[in-house]
Amino acid sequence: MRTAFFAGAYGGDASGLPTETRLECKICWHVYDPADGDEVRQIQPDTAFSQLPVHWSCPQCGAPKQDFLVLDD
């Protein structure tokens, strides 16, 4: 069964994303920027989205990683 994806979705598999890819939470619009990391969750700067722990969630609203959309900068 194929899952329908929408614009910006990465399908829950971030392994193919470039390391500098920024993503935005579709719930609260928080932007995860690898250059900044995530101070709230103690993620060091220069941590790619694909390297975030499985349990990582949005630091603002708690949305899971699969609720993030790729930003076209």
C-alpha atoms as a PDB file:
ATOM      1  CA  MET A   1       0.000   0.000   0.000  1.00  0.00           C
ATOM      2  CA  ARG A   2       1.397   3.379  -0.965  1.00  0.00           C
ATOM      3  CA  THR A   3       1.035   6.314   1.425  1.00  0.00           C
ATOM      4  CA  ALA A   4      -0.042   9.618  -0.086  1.00  0.00           C
ATOM      5  CA  PHE A   5       2.453  12.409   0.461  1.00  0.00           C
ATOM      6  CA  PHE A   6       1.962  16.122   0.037  1.00  0.00           C
ATOM      7  CA  ALA A   7       4.245  18.959  -0.993  1.00  0.00           C
ATOM      8  CA  GLY A   8       7.216  19.262   1.321  1.00  0.00           C
ATOM      9  CA  ALA A   9       6.712  15.862   2.943  1.00  0.00           C
ATOM     10  CA  TYR A  10       9.779  13.668   3.208  1.00  0.00           C
ATOM     11  CA  GLY A  11       7.829  10.490   3.911  1.00  0.00           C
ATOM     12  CA  GLY A  12       9.209   9.957   7.401  1.00  0.00           C
ATOM     13  CA  ASP A  13      12.569   8.823   6.014  1.00  0.00           C
ATOM     14  CA  ALA A  14      15.033  11.679   6.458  1.00  0.00           C
ATOM     15  CA  SER A  15      18.049   9.597   5.392  1.00  0.00           C
ATOM     16  CA  GLY A  16      17.924  11.003   1.846  1.00  0.00           C
ATOM     17  CA  LEU A  17      17.771  14.637   2.912  1.00  0.00           C
ATOM     18  CA  PRO A  18      20.884  16.790   2.484  1.00  0.00           C
ATOM     19  CA  THR A  19      22.506  17.480   5.873  1.00  0.00           C
ATOM     20  CA  GLU A  20      21.782  21.231   5.671  1.00  0.00           C
ATOM     21  CA  THR A  21      18.039  20.802   4.975  1.00  0.00           C
ATOM     22  CA  ARG A  22      15.799  22.926   7.178  1.00  0.00           C
ATOM     23  CA  LEU A  23      12.371  21.566   8.112  1.00  0.00           C
ATOM     24  CA  GLU A  24       9.276  23.227   9.517  1.00  0.00           C
ATOM     25  CA  CYS A  25       6.690  21.789  11.896  1.00  0.00           C
ATOM     26  CA  LYS A  26       3.315  21.680  10.150  1.00  0.00           C
ATOM     27  CA  ILE A  27       1.552  22.182  13.502  1.00  0.00           C
ATOM     28  CA  CYS A  28       3.262  25.257  15.012  1.00  0.00           C
ATOM     29  CA  TRP A  29       5.645  26.349  12.195  1.00  0.00           C
ATOM     30  CA  HIS A  30       8.801  25.879  14.300  1.00  0.00           C
ATOM     31  CA  VAL A  31      11.830  25.579  12.000  1.00  0.00           C
ATOM     32  CA  TYR A  32      14.512  22.998  12.723  1.00  0.00           C
ATOM     33  CA  ASP A  33      17.756  24.379  11.334  1.00  0.00           C
ATOM     34  CA  PRO A  34      20.667  21.923  11.533  1.00  0.00           C
ATOM     35  CA  ALA A  35      23.109  24.833  11.843  1.00  0.00           C
ATOM     36  CA  ASP A  36      21.435  25.785  15.138  1.00  0.00           C
ATOM     37  CA  GLY A  37      20.562  22.353  16.517  1.00  0.00           C
ATOM     38  CA  ASP A  38      17.945  22.296  19.282  1.00  0.00           C
ATOM     39  CA  GLU A  39      18.881  23.922  22.564  1.00  0.00           C
ATOM     40  CA  VAL A  40      15.668  22.748  24.270  1.00  0.00           C
ATOM     41  CA  ARG A  41      16.357  19.071  23.521  1.00  0.00           C
ATOM     42  CA  GLN A  42      20.155  19.498  23.881  1.00  0.00           C
ATOM     43  CA  ILE A  43      20.894  18.724  20.225  1.00  0.00           C
ATOM     44  CA  GLN A  44      24.252  20.154  19.194  1.00  0.00           C
ATOM     45  CA  PRO A  45      24.563  22.601  16.262  1.00  0.00           C
ATOM     46  CA  ASP A  46      25.358  20.999  12.886  1.00  0.00           C
ATOM     47  CA  THR A  47      23.128  17.980  13.631  1.00  0.00           C
ATOM     48  CA  ALA A  48      21.250  16.950  10.475  1.00  0.00           C
ATOM     49  CA  PHE A  49      17.535  16.197  10.787  1.00  0.00           C
ATOM     50  CA  SER A  50      18.296  12.579   9.830  1.00  0.00           C
ATOM     51  CA  GLN A  51      20.623  12.314  12.843  1.00  0.00           C
ATOM     52  CA  LEU A  52      18.014  13.381  15.394  1.00  0.00           C
ATOM     53  CA  PRO A  53      17.032  10.658  17.872  1.00  0.00           C
ATOM     54  CA  VAL A  54      13.930   8.619  17.012  1.00  0.00           C
ATOM     55  CA  HIS A  55      12.158  10.039  20.071  1.00  0.00           C
ATOM     56  CA  TRP A  56      12.921  13.684  19.132  1.00  0.00           C
ATOM     57  CA  SER A  57       9.870  15.922  18.817  1.00  0.00           C
ATOM     58  CA  CYS A  58       9.158  19.574  18.112  1.00  0.00           C
ATOM     59  CA  PRO A  59      10.485  21.663  21.004  1.00  0.00           C
ATOM     60  CA  GLN A  60       7.519  24.052  20.769  1.00  0.00           C
ATOM     61  CA  CYS A  61       4.473  21.799  20.387  1.00  0.00           C
ATOM     62  CA  GLY A  62       5.734  18.227  20.818  1.00  0.00           C
ATOM     63  CA  ALA A  63       4.810  17.102  17.283  1.00  0.00           C
ATOM     64  CA  PRO A  64       6.744  14.026  16.087  1.00  0.00           C
ATOM     65  CA  LYS A  65       9.456  14.212  13.409  1.00  0.00           C
ATOM     66  CA  GLN A  66       7.091  12.973  10.702  1.00  0.00           C
ATOM     67  CA  ASP A  67       5.037  16.168  11.152  1.00  0.00           C
ATOM     68  CA  PHE A  68       7.868  18.271   9.730  1.00  0.00           C
ATOM     69  CA  LEU A  69       7.962  19.553   6.157  1.00  0.00           C
ATOM     70  CA  VAL A  70      10.993  20.319   4.008  1.00  0.00           C
ATOM     71  CA  LEU A  71      11.546  24.041   3.510  1.00  0.00           C
ATOM     72  CA  ASP A  72      12.398  25.248   0.022  1.00  0.00           C
ATOM     73  CA  ASP A  73      14.887  28.015   0.716  1.00  0.00           C
END
